Amino acid sequence: MPPQSSFTHRPPRAWHKISISVPSQFADTASALMASLTTSGIEQKESPLGQPDAQREEITTYIPEDQDPTSLVATLHDFLTELNKNFSGPLATLSQELLIEEDWNSHWKEHFKPFKLTERLVIRPSWELYDPLPGELVLEMDPGMAFGTGLHASTRLALHLIENSFATTPIATVLDVGTGTGILGMACALLGAKTVIGLDNDIDARTAASDNIHKNCLDSVMRIDPRDLPDLDGRFELVIANITQDVLTLLAPDIMSHLSPGGNVVLSGILTGEQAEATKRLYSSLGLVLTREDRDKEWSALLFTQRIDIK
């Protein structure tokens, strides 16, 4: 049975849902453009195989009702107009609607099914059954109104780097900055971490993450801390941050101050290209060594290790 309403802690909000549908060969460019125009995050999905629009992709963002989307819509309209002038196939389109949160919340429930995210990790919603294969780790996820089901490329990239980190060295303590639904921190708990702290300044995220931790019986390993990163005590063998690149830049000194000597840092939510290069330069200047970079279309995730000689 689908979970009950997510709005036990506040009234529902309304959002401007803005979507563009483009031929697949232009999807990465369109996605990067939309990501640069909003701080709300984007959702990119392909049309199912066998469908009439199987060679198209849809990119969507949700803008809070109290923010004016006029400029964003105008820029996207101009982009699509130029695209349609130079492309002979089906036209790229733009759609816009005001969406009440209950409608958005119920929409993803219709499509959210169990899926294998990494070599070992499987995500399933609470209303779906799944019989795991030997060696698979299953997380029950009810995203609520927070970001992070594992469907987005930045989450998948981060999880692959996390799994790689645990495969190469034992990790006991983890800090998940901008935890969202708690998916990254909970994955660390399943992979063997003994203590995981999740931070998020959004009450929706803290509510969803706490619920997910409890549903997965991980309360003894992971907890959500309401404090901001600078106010947190302690150091951690692995620090994870799947947030926007500007915030990763702002928080870099605090992330470093909470990293144990020789520890690892996983950063995601970064656009490939200039953002990734700037992030690599910044964190390398703080004493980290880039040990792996993974990419998925326009998104990059970075794995750093602190040099042992850095105190």
C-alpha atoms as a PDB file:
ATOM      1  CA  MET A   1       0.000   0.000   0.000  1.00  0.00           C
ATOM      2  CA  PRO A   2       1.372   3.472  -0.852  1.00  0.00           C
ATOM      3  CA  PRO A   3       2.485   5.554   2.142  1.00  0.00           C
ATOM      4  CA  GLN A   4       0.191   8.113   3.726  1.00  0.00           C
ATOM      5  CA  SER A   5       0.440  11.846   3.152  1.00  0.00           C
ATOM      6  CA  SER A   6       3.855  13.446   3.736  1.00  0.00           C
ATOM      7  CA  PHE A   7       2.277  16.588   5.212  1.00  0.00           C
ATOM      8  CA  THR A   8       2.038  15.810   8.903  1.00  0.00           C
ATOM      9  CA  HIS A   9       4.572  18.516   9.810  1.00  0.00           C
ATOM     10  CA  ARG A  10       3.408  21.439   7.589  1.00  0.00           C
ATOM     11  CA  PRO A  11       0.785  22.428   5.004  1.00  0.00           C
ATOM     12  CA  PRO A  12       1.379  21.383   1.371  1.00  0.00           C
ATOM     13  CA  ARG A  13       3.062  23.793  -1.021  1.00  0.00           C
ATOM     14  CA  ALA A  14       2.505  24.573  -4.678  1.00  0.00           C
ATOM     15  CA  TRP A  15       5.159  24.477  -7.395  1.00  0.00           C
ATOM     16  CA  HIS A  16       5.584  25.635 -10.976  1.00  0.00           C
ATOM     17  CA  LYS A  17       6.336  22.455 -12.915  1.00  0.00           C
ATOM     18  CA  ILE A  18       8.321  23.390 -16.028  1.00  0.00           C
ATOM     19  CA  SER A  19       9.204  20.654 -18.520  1.00  0.00           C
ATOM     20  CA  ILE A  20      10.869  20.575 -21.913  1.00  0.00           C
ATOM     21  CA  SER A  21      10.793  17.604 -24.279  1.00  0.00           C
ATOM     22  CA  VAL A  22      13.676  17.409 -26.758  1.00  0.00           C
ATOM     23  CA  PRO A  23      15.225  14.892 -29.157  1.00  0.00           C
ATOM     24  CA  SER A  24      17.670  12.667 -27.285  1.00  0.00           C
ATOM     25  CA  GLN A  25      20.747  14.046 -29.056  1.00  0.00           C
ATOM     26  CA  PHE A  26      20.039  17.476 -27.537  1.00  0.00           C
ATOM     27  CA  ALA A  27      19.041  16.256 -24.063  1.00  0.00           C
ATOM     28  CA  ASP A  28      22.412  16.802 -22.383  1.00  0.00           C
ATOM     29  CA  THR A  29      22.656  20.380 -23.667  1.00  0.00           C
ATOM     30  CA  ALA A  30      19.075  21.128 -22.643  1.00  0.00           C
ATOM     31  CA  SER A  31      19.577  19.558 -19.219  1.00  0.00           C
ATOM     32  CA  ALA A  32      22.737  21.553 -18.570  1.00  0.00           C
ATOM     33  CA  LEU A  33      20.959  24.754 -19.593  1.00  0.00           C
ATOM     34  CA  MET A  34      18.023  24.126 -17.268  1.00  0.00           C
ATOM     35  CA  ALA A  35      20.364  23.183 -14.407  1.00  0.00           C
ATOM     36  CA  SER A  36      22.198  26.483 -14.844  1.00  0.00           C
ATOM     37  CA  LEU A  37      18.923  28.445 -14.662  1.00  0.00           C
ATOM     38  CA  THR A  38      17.539  27.035 -11.418  1.00  0.00           C
ATOM     39  CA  THR A  39      18.716  26.071  -7.945  1.00  0.00           C
ATOM     40  CA  SER A  40      15.753  23.713  -7.515  1.00  0.00           C
ATOM     41  CA  GLY A  41      17.364  20.734  -9.217  1.00  0.00           C
ATOM     42  CA  ILE A  42      16.220  18.966 -12.367  1.00  0.00           C
ATOM     43  CA  GLU A  43      14.726  15.616 -13.311  1.00  0.00           C
ATOM     44  CA  GLN A  44      15.695  13.986 -16.607  1.00  0.00           C
ATOM     45  CA  LYS A  45      14.042  10.890 -17.998  1.00  0.00           C
ATOM     46  CA  GLU A  46      13.967   9.037 -21.291  1.00  0.00           C
ATOM     47  CA  SER A  47      10.775   7.954 -23.023  1.00  0.00           C
ATOM     48  CA  PRO A  48      10.238   4.198 -22.567  1.00  0.00           C
ATOM     49  CA  LEU A  49      11.447   1.975 -25.384  1.00  0.00           C
ATOM     50  CA  GLY A  50       8.694   1.079 -27.797  1.00  0.00           C
ATOM     51  CA  GLN A  51       6.819   4.319 -27.171  1.00  0.00           C
ATOM     52  CA  PRO A  52       6.229   6.811 -30.012  1.00  0.00           C
ATOM     53  CA  ASP A  53       8.636   9.314 -28.449  1.00  0.00           C
ATOM     54  CA  ALA A  54      11.366   6.770 -27.608  1.00  0.00           C
ATOM     55  CA  GLN A  55      14.024   9.025 -29.139  1.00  0.00           C
ATOM     56  CA  ARG A  56      13.129  11.956 -26.880  1.00  0.00           C
ATOM     57  CA  GLU A  57      13.885  12.958 -23.321  1.00  0.00           C
ATOM     58  CA  GLU A  58      12.006  15.123 -20.854  1.00  0.00           C
ATOM     59  CA  ILE A  59      13.762  17.527 -18.483  1.00  0.00           C
ATOM     60  CA  THR A  60      11.729  18.963 -15.598  1.00  0.00           C
ATOM     61  CA  THR A  61      12.248  21.383 -12.740  1.00  0.00           C
ATOM     62  CA  TYR A  62       9.927  22.443  -9.917  1.00  0.00           C
ATOM     63  CA  ILE A  63      10.020  26.118  -8.905  1.00  0.00           C
ATOM     64  CA  PRO A  64       8.400  27.248  -5.616  1.00  0.00           C
ATOM     65  CA  GLU A  65       5.099  29.055  -6.167  1.00  0.00           C
ATOM     66  CA  ASP A  66       6.406  32.286  -4.650  1.00  0.00           C
ATOM     67  CA  GLN A  67       9.232  32.493  -7.218  1.00  0.00           C
ATOM     68  CA  ASP A  68       8.553  34.019 -10.634  1.00  0.00           C
ATOM     69  CA  PRO A  69       9.491  31.530 -13.391  1.00  0.00           C
ATOM     70  CA  THR A  70       9.017  34.058 -16.227  1.00  0.00           C
ATOM     71  CA  SER A  71      12.720  34.584 -16.960  1.00  0.00           C
ATOM     72  CA  LEU A  72      13.513  30.851 -16.869  1.00  0.00           C
ATOM     73  CA  VAL A  73      10.593  30.038 -19.169  1.00  0.00           C
ATOM     74  CA  ALA A  74      11.577  32.825 -21.597  1.00  0.00           C
ATOM     75  CA  THR A  75      15.163  31.563 -21.827  1.00  0.00           C
ATOM     76  CA  LEU A  76      14.029  27.986 -22.402  1.00  0.00           C
ATOM     77  CA  HIS A  77      11.509  29.172 -25.013  1.00  0.00           C
ATOM     78  CA  ASP A  78      14.248  31.004 -26.934  1.00  0.00           C
ATOM     79  CA  PHE A  79      16.496  27.927 -26.766  1.00  0.00           C
ATOM     80  CA  LEU A  80      13.779  25.624 -28.089  1.00  0.00           C
ATOM     81  CA  THR A  81      12.834  28.094 -30.821  1.00  0.00           C
ATOM     82  CA  GLU A  82      16.409  28.103 -32.144  1.00  0.00           C
ATOM     83  CA  LEU A  83      16.593  24.337 -31.814  1.00  0.00           C
ATOM     84  CA  ASN A  84      13.419  23.856 -33.840  1.00  0.00           C
ATOM     85  CA  LYS A  85      14.695  26.172 -36.572  1.00  0.00           C
ATOM     86  CA  ASN A  86      17.734  23.961 -37.117  1.00  0.00           C
ATOM     87  CA  PHE A  87      16.259  20.507 -36.577  1.00  0.00           C
ATOM     88  CA  SER A  88      14.026  18.759 -39.075  1.00  0.00           C
ATOM     89  CA  GLY A  89      12.613  16.124 -36.706  1.00  0.00           C
ATOM     90  CA  PRO A  90       9.723  16.366 -34.226  1.00  0.00           C
ATOM     91  CA  LEU A  91       9.587  19.745 -32.519  1.00  0.00           C
ATOM     92  CA  ALA A  92      11.024  20.339 -29.060  1.00  0.00           C
ATOM     93  CA  THR A  93       8.258  21.484 -26.720  1.00  0.00           C
ATOM     94  CA  LEU A  94       7.820  23.306 -23.422  1.00  0.00           C
ATOM     95  CA  SER A  95       5.034  22.851 -20.880  1.00  0.00           C
ATOM     96  CA  GLN A  96       4.211  24.645 -17.644  1.00  0.00           C
ATOM     97  CA  GLU A  97       1.660  23.997 -14.901  1.00  0.00           C
ATOM     98  CA  LEU A  98       1.022  24.802 -11.268  1.00  0.00           C
ATOM     99  CA  LEU A  99       1.297  21.604  -9.255  1.00  0.00           C
ATOM    100  CA  ILE A 100       0.097  21.010  -5.707  1.00  0.00           C
ATOM    101  CA  GLU A 101       2.541  18.895  -3.709  1.00  0.00           C
ATOM    102  CA  GLU A 102       0.062  16.066  -3.129  1.00  0.00           C
ATOM    103  CA  ASP A 103      -0.238  15.640  -6.892  1.00  0.00           C
ATOM    104  CA  TRP A 104       3.536  15.609  -7.328  1.00  0.00           C
ATOM    105  CA  ASN A 105       3.972  13.177  -4.449  1.00  0.00           C
ATOM    106  CA  SER A 106       1.387  10.739  -5.817  1.00  0.00           C
ATOM    107  CA  HIS A 107       2.797  11.012  -9.355  1.00  0.00           C
ATOM    108  CA  TRP A 108       6.162   9.434  -8.547  1.00  0.00           C
ATOM    109  CA  LYS A 109       4.442   6.671  -6.570  1.00  0.00           C
ATOM    110  CA  GLU A 110       2.897   5.432  -9.816  1.00  0.00           C
ATOM    111  CA  HIS A 111       6.322   4.937 -11.393  1.00  0.00           C
ATOM    112  CA  PHE A 112       8.627   4.166  -8.464  1.00  0.00           C
ATOM    113  CA  LYS A 113       9.391   0.425  -8.621  1.00  0.00           C
ATOM    114  CA  PRO A 114      12.241  -1.687  -7.144  1.00  0.00           C
ATOM    115  CA  PHE A 115      15.456  -1.271  -9.105  1.00  0.00           C
ATOM    116  CA  LYS A 116      19.108  -2.274  -8.791  1.00  0.00           C
ATOM    117  CA  LEU A 117      21.218   0.809  -8.308  1.00  0.00           C
ATOM    118  CA  THR A 118      24.759  -0.582  -7.942  1.00  0.00           C
ATOM    119  CA  GLU A 119      26.364  -4.019  -7.949  1.00  0.00           C
ATOM    120  CA  ARG A 120      24.972  -4.680  -4.468  1.00  0.00           C
ATOM    121  CA  LEU A 121      22.342  -2.047  -3.670  1.00  0.00           C
ATOM    122  CA  VAL A 122      18.640  -2.386  -4.543  1.00  0.00           C
ATOM    123  CA  ILE A 123      16.063   0.314  -3.835  1.00  0.00           C
ATOM    124  CA  ARG A 124      12.437  -0.572  -3.241  1.00  0.00           C
ATOM    125  CA  PRO A 125       9.462   1.539  -2.116  1.00  0.00           C
ATOM    126  CA  SER A 126       7.613   0.265   0.934  1.00  0.00           C
ATOM    127  CA  TRP A 127       4.521  -0.665  -1.089  1.00  0.00           C
ATOM    128  CA  GLU A 128       6.481  -2.998  -3.428  1.00  0.00           C
ATOM    129  CA  LEU A 129       7.817  -6.493  -2.650  1.00  0.00           C
ATOM    130  CA  TYR A 130      11.299  -7.648  -3.661  1.00  0.00           C
ATOM    131  CA  ASP A 131      13.133 -10.945  -3.099  1.00  0.00           C
ATOM    132  CA  PRO A 132      16.873 -10.102  -2.961  1.00  0.00           C
ATOM    133  CA  LEU A 133      19.489 -12.220  -4.663  1.00  0.00           C
ATOM    134  CA  PRO A 134      22.524 -13.442  -2.677  1.00  0.00           C
ATOM    135  CA  GLY A 135      24.791 -10.521  -1.811  1.00  0.00           C
ATOM    136  CA  GLU A 136      22.228  -7.815  -2.565  1.00  0.00           C
ATOM    137  CA  LEU A 137      21.486  -5.106  -0.005  1.00  0.00           C
ATOM    138  CA  VAL A 138      17.950  -3.709  -0.053  1.00  0.00           C
ATOM    139  CA  LEU A 139      16.931  -0.235   1.070  1.00  0.00           C
ATOM    140  CA  GLU A 140      13.251   0.542   1.572  1.00  0.00           C
ATOM    141  CA  MET A 141      12.754   4.109   0.364  1.00  0.00           C
ATOM    142  CA  ASP A 142       9.767   6.416   0.759  1.00  0.00           C
ATOM    143  CA  PRO A 143      11.145   9.726  -0.515  1.00  0.00           C
ATOM    144  CA  GLY A 144       8.356  11.894   0.898  1.00  0.00           C
ATOM    145  CA  MET A 145       9.047  15.433  -0.310  1.00  0.00           C
ATOM    146  CA  ALA A 146      12.856  15.178  -0.203  1.00  0.00           C
ATOM    147  CA  PHE A 147      15.358  14.688  -2.989  1.00  0.00           C
ATOM    148  CA  GLY A 148      17.154  11.379  -3.378  1.00  0.00           C
ATOM    149  CA  THR A 149      15.513   8.145  -4.488  1.00  0.00           C
ATOM    150  CA  GLY A 150      18.546   6.976  -6.445  1.00  0.00           C
ATOM    151  CA  LEU A 151      16.832   7.806  -9.726  1.00  0.00           C
ATOM    152  CA  HIS A 152      18.955  10.904 -10.329  1.00  0.00           C
ATOM    153  CA  ALA A 153      22.393  10.528 -11.899  1.00  0.00           C
ATOM    154  CA  SER A 154      24.137  12.469  -9.116  1.00  0.00           C
ATOM    155  CA  THR A 155      22.791  10.031  -6.498  1.00  0.00           C
ATOM    156  CA  ARG A 156      23.754   6.972  -8.551  1.00  0.00           C
ATOM    157  CA  LEU A 157      27.263   8.322  -9.135  1.00  0.00           C
ATOM    158  CA  ALA A 158      27.759   9.035  -5.440  1.00  0.00           C
ATOM    159  CA  LEU A 159      26.584   5.554  -4.481  1.00  0.00           C
ATOM    160  CA  HIS A 160      29.026   3.905  -6.891  1.00  0.00           C
ATOM    161  CA  LEU A 161      31.917   5.869  -5.363  1.00  0.00           C
ATOM    162  CA  ILE A 162      30.713   5.050  -1.847  1.00  0.00           C
ATOM    163  CA  GLU A 163      30.540   1.348  -2.676  1.00  0.00           C
ATOM    164  CA  ASN A 164      34.051   1.569  -4.139  1.00  0.00           C
ATOM    165  CA  SER A 165      35.321   3.234  -0.956  1.00  0.00           C
ATOM    166  CA  PHE A 166      33.947   0.494   1.292  1.00  0.00           C
ATOM    167  CA  ALA A 167      35.352  -2.193  -1.014  1.00  0.00           C
ATOM    168  CA  THR A 168      38.903  -0.863  -0.671  1.00  0.00           C
ATOM    169  CA  THR A 169      39.122  -0.010   3.041  1.00  0.00           C
ATOM    170  CA  PRO A 170      37.059  -0.458   6.241  1.00  0.00           C
ATOM    171  CA  ILE A 171      35.063   2.700   7.087  1.00  0.00           C
ATOM    172  CA  ALA A 172      33.517   3.079  10.523  1.00  0.00           C
ATOM    173  CA  THR A 173      32.339   6.715  10.652  1.00  0.00           C
ATOM    174  CA  VAL A 174      30.460   8.639   7.954  1.00  0.00           C
ATOM    175  CA  LEU A 175      29.104  12.176   7.639  1.00  0.00           C
ATOM    176  CA  ASP A 176      26.391  12.743   5.009  1.00  0.00           C
ATOM    177  CA  VAL A 177      26.070  16.477   4.283  1.00  0.00           C
ATOM    178  CA  GLY A 178      22.768  17.414   2.655  1.00  0.00           C
ATOM    179  CA  THR A 179      21.373  13.963   3.370  1.00  0.00           C
ATOM    180  CA  GLY A 180      18.022  14.434   1.588  1.00  0.00           C
ATOM    181  CA  THR A 181      16.124  11.165   1.981  1.00  0.00           C
ATOM    182  CA  GLY A 182      19.119   9.635   3.764  1.00  0.00           C
ATOM    183  CA  ILE A 183      19.829   7.224   0.925  1.00  0.00           C
ATOM    184  CA  LEU A 184      23.608   7.742   0.826  1.00  0.00           C
ATOM    185  CA  GLY A 185      24.053   7.512   4.583  1.00  0.00           C
ATOM    186  CA  MET A 186      21.840   4.437   4.830  1.00  0.00           C
ATOM    187  CA  ALA A 187      23.825   2.763   2.052  1.00  0.00           C
ATOM    188  CA  CYS A 188      26.959   3.340   4.154  1.00  0.00           C
ATOM    189  CA  ALA A 189      25.230   1.739   7.140  1.00  0.00           C
ATOM    190  CA  LEU A 190      24.359  -1.334   5.081  1.00  0.00           C
ATOM    191  CA  LEU A 191      27.913  -1.510   3.723  1.00  0.00           C
ATOM    192  CA  GLY A 192      29.394  -1.702   7.229  1.00  0.00           C
ATOM    193  CA  ALA A 193      29.690   1.766   8.786  1.00  0.00           C
ATOM    194  CA  LYS A 194      29.213   1.821  12.554  1.00  0.00           C
ATOM    195  CA  THR A 195      28.201   5.489  12.922  1.00  0.00           C
ATOM    196  CA  VAL A 196      26.526   7.667  10.288  1.00  0.00           C
ATOM    197  CA  ILE A 197      25.422  11.272  10.839  1.00  0.00           C
ATOM    198  CA  GLY A 198      23.081  12.949   8.332  1.00  0.00           C
ATOM    199  CA  LEU A 199      22.767  16.738   8.073  1.00  0.00           C
ATOM    200  CA  ASP A 200      20.201  18.786   6.168  1.00  0.00           C
ATOM    201  CA  ASN A 201      18.832  22.300   6.632  1.00  0.00           C
ATOM    202  CA  ASP A 202      15.457  21.347   5.108  1.00  0.00           C
ATOM    203  CA  ILE A 203      12.799  20.051   7.504  1.00  0.00           C
ATOM    204  CA  ASP A 204      11.253  17.995   4.677  1.00  0.00           C
ATOM    205  CA  ALA A 205      14.552  16.194   4.187  1.00  0.00           C
ATOM    206  CA  ARG A 206      15.092  15.595   7.898  1.00  0.00           C
ATOM    207  CA  THR A 207      11.559  14.222   8.227  1.00  0.00           C
ATOM    208  CA  ALA A 208      11.894  11.905   5.218  1.00  0.00           C
ATOM    209  CA  ALA A 209      15.374  10.731   6.224  1.00  0.00           C
ATOM    210  CA  SER A 210      14.351   9.983   9.817  1.00  0.00           C
ATOM    211  CA  ASP A 211      11.353   7.994   8.580  1.00  0.00           C
ATOM    212  CA  ASN A 212      13.495   6.036   6.117  1.00  0.00           C
ATOM    213  CA  ILE A 213      16.141   5.269   8.739  1.00  0.00           C
ATOM    214  CA  HIS A 214      13.484   3.899  11.066  1.00  0.00           C
ATOM    215  CA  LYS A 215      11.812   1.817   8.325  1.00  0.00           C
ATOM    216  CA  ASN A 216      15.148   0.216   7.497  1.00  0.00           C
ATOM    217  CA  CYS A 217      15.891  -0.538  11.172  1.00  0.00           C
ATOM    218  CA  LEU A 218      19.089   1.519  11.007  1.00  0.00           C
ATOM    219  CA  ASP A 219      18.402   3.738  14.054  1.00  0.00           C
ATOM    220  CA  SER A 220      21.315   2.170  15.928  1.00  0.00           C
ATOM    221  CA  VAL A 221      23.759   3.219  13.183  1.00  0.00           C
ATOM    222  CA  MET A 222      22.438   6.391  11.548  1.00  0.00           C
ATOM    223  CA  ARG A 223      20.827   9.490  12.996  1.00  0.00           C
ATOM    224  CA  ILE A 224      19.836  12.916  11.673  1.00  0.00           C
ATOM    225  CA  ASP A 225      21.458  15.880  13.402  1.00  0.00           C
ATOM    226  CA  PRO A 226      19.576  19.208  13.164  1.00  0.00           C
ATOM    227  CA  ARG A 227      22.726  21.296  13.537  1.00  0.00           C
ATOM    228  CA  ASP A 228      24.543  23.062  10.719  1.00  0.00           C
ATOM    229  CA  LEU A 229      27.882  21.655   9.576  1.00  0.00           C
ATOM    230  CA  PRO A 230      30.066  24.318  11.296  1.00  0.00           C
ATOM    231  CA  ASP A 231      28.367  23.547  14.622  1.00  0.00           C
ATOM    232  CA  LEU A 232      28.910  19.795  14.429  1.00  0.00           C
ATOM    233  CA  ASP A 233      31.578  18.078  16.519  1.00  0.00           C
ATOM    234  CA  GLY A 234      33.876  15.227  15.519  1.00  0.00           C
ATOM    235  CA  ARG A 235      35.767  13.878  12.519  1.00  0.00           C
ATOM    236  CA  PHE A 236      34.706  11.176  10.086  1.00  0.00           C
ATOM    237  CA  GLU A 237      36.526   8.645   7.923  1.00  0.00           C
ATOM    238  CA  LEU A 238      34.170   9.360   5.001  1.00  0.00           C
ATOM    239  CA  VAL A 239      32.398  12.643   4.249  1.00  0.00           C
ATOM    240  CA  ILE A 240      29.692  12.634   1.547  1.00  0.00           C
ATOM    241  CA  ALA A 241      28.080  15.688  -0.032  1.00  0.00           C
ATOM    242  CA  ASN A 242      25.640  15.388  -2.926  1.00  0.00           C
ATOM    243  CA  ILE A 243      24.627  19.036  -3.273  1.00  0.00           C
ATOM    244  CA  THR A 244      25.131  21.876  -5.736  1.00  0.00           C
ATOM    245  CA  GLN A 245      28.634  22.936  -6.698  1.00  0.00           C
ATOM    246  CA  ASP A 246      28.312  26.440  -5.226  1.00  0.00           C
ATOM    247  CA  VAL A 247      27.463  24.938  -1.823  1.00  0.00           C
ATOM    248  CA  LEU A 248      30.334  22.439  -2.123  1.00  0.00           C
ATOM    249  CA  THR A 249      32.616  25.446  -2.623  1.00  0.00           C
ATOM    250  CA  LEU A 250      31.173  27.323   0.349  1.00  0.00           C
ATOM    251  CA  LEU A 251      31.385  24.313   2.677  1.00  0.00           C
ATOM    252  CA  ALA A 252      34.852  23.113   1.636  1.00  0.00           C
ATOM    253  CA  PRO A 253      36.686  24.370   4.782  1.00  0.00           C
ATOM    254  CA  ASP A 254      34.035  22.861   7.077  1.00  0.00           C
ATOM    255  CA  ILE A 255      34.080  19.550   5.206  1.00  0.00           C
ATOM    256  CA  MET A 256      37.854  19.404   5.616  1.00  0.00           C
ATOM    257  CA  SER A 257      37.639  20.242   9.325  1.00  0.00           C
ATOM    258  CA  HIS A 258      35.392  17.200   9.850  1.00  0.00           C
ATOM    259  CA  LEU A 259      37.547  14.743   7.878  1.00  0.00           C
ATOM    260  CA  SER A 260      39.700  12.230   9.743  1.00  0.00           C
ATOM    261  CA  PRO A 261      43.370  12.053   8.693  1.00  0.00           C
ATOM    262  CA  GLY A 262      43.643   9.852   5.623  1.00  0.00           C
ATOM    263  CA  GLY A 263      39.858   9.903   5.141  1.00  0.00           C
ATOM    264  CA  ASN A 264      37.824   9.974   1.929  1.00  0.00           C
ATOM    265  CA  VAL A 265      35.464  12.608   0.518  1.00  0.00           C
ATOM    266  CA  VAL A 266      32.740  11.867  -2.056  1.00  0.00           C
ATOM    267  CA  LEU A 267      31.301  14.921  -3.835  1.00  0.00           C
ATOM    268  CA  SER A 268      28.411  14.809  -6.285  1.00  0.00           C
ATOM    269  CA  GLY A 269      25.783  17.105  -7.807  1.00  0.00           C
ATOM    270  CA  ILE A 270      28.476  18.657 -10.020  1.00  0.00           C
ATOM    271  CA  LEU A 271      28.131  19.443 -13.720  1.00  0.00           C
ATOM    272  CA  THR A 272      30.899  17.983 -15.871  1.00  0.00           C
ATOM    273  CA  GLY A 273      33.271  20.577 -17.276  1.00  0.00           C
ATOM    274  CA  GLU A 274      33.952  23.911 -15.621  1.00  0.00           C
ATOM    275  CA  GLN A 275      32.172  23.042 -12.352  1.00  0.00           C
ATOM    276  CA  ALA A 276      34.005  19.742 -11.984  1.00  0.00           C
ATOM    277  CA  GLU A 277      37.378  21.285 -12.802  1.00  0.00           C
ATOM    278  CA  ALA A 278      36.868  24.125 -10.303  1.00  0.00           C
ATOM    279  CA  THR A 279      35.846  21.655  -7.593  1.00  0.00           C
ATOM    280  CA  LYS A 280      38.885  19.472  -8.237  1.00  0.00           C
ATOM    281  CA  ARG A 281      41.207  22.483  -8.015  1.00  0.00           C
ATOM    282  CA  LEU A 282      39.659  23.727  -4.778  1.00  0.00           C
ATOM    283  CA  TYR A 283      39.633  20.442  -2.870  1.00  0.00           C
ATOM    284  CA  SER A 284      43.087  19.476  -4.152  1.00  0.00           C
ATOM    285  CA  SER A 285      44.415  22.775  -2.793  1.00  0.00           C
ATOM    286  CA  LEU A 286      43.084  21.778   0.629  1.00  0.00           C
ATOM    287  CA  GLY A 287      45.211  18.634   0.785  1.00  0.00           C
ATOM    288  CA  LEU A 288      43.083  16.041  -0.987  1.00  0.00           C
ATOM    289  CA  VAL A 289      44.116  13.753  -3.840  1.00  0.00           C
ATOM    290  CA  LEU A 290      41.570  12.933  -6.545  1.00  0.00           C
ATOM    291  CA  THR A 291      41.468   9.135  -6.778  1.00  0.00           C
ATOM    292  CA  ARG A 292      38.446   8.644  -9.041  1.00  0.00           C
ATOM    293  CA  GLU A 293      36.029  10.651 -11.181  1.00  0.00           C
ATOM    294  CA  ASP A 294      32.838   9.087 -12.546  1.00  0.00           C
ATOM    295  CA  ARG A 295      30.520  10.683 -15.101  1.00  0.00           C
ATOM    296  CA  ASP A 296      26.963  10.101 -16.261  1.00  0.00           C
ATOM    297  CA  LYS A 297      26.050  12.377 -19.169  1.00  0.00           C
ATOM    298  CA  GLU A 298      26.419  15.943 -17.866  1.00  0.00           C
ATOM    299  CA  TRP A 299      26.966  14.962 -14.209  1.00  0.00           C
ATOM    300  CA  SER A 300      30.239  14.202 -12.402  1.00  0.00           C
ATOM    301  CA  ALA A 301      31.085  12.744  -8.998  1.00  0.00           C
ATOM    302  CA  LEU A 302      34.511  12.933  -7.383  1.00  0.00           C
ATOM    303  CA  LEU A 303      36.289  10.683  -4.876  1.00  0.00           C
ATOM    304  CA  PHE A 304      39.137  12.295  -2.926  1.00  0.00           C
ATOM    305  CA  THR A 305      41.531  10.861  -0.336  1.00  0.00           C
ATOM    306  CA  GLN A 306      43.376  13.003   2.177  1.00  0.00           C
ATOM    307  CA  ARG A 307      47.147  12.769   2.068  1.00  0.00           C
ATOM    308  CA  ILE A 308      48.458  11.139   5.233  1.00  0.00           C
ATOM    309  CA  ASP A 309      51.013  13.920   5.711  1.00  0.00           C
ATOM    310  CA  ILE A 310      48.203  16.499   6.084  1.00  0.00           C
ATOM    311  CA  LYS A 311      47.469  17.146   9.755  1.00  0.00           C
END
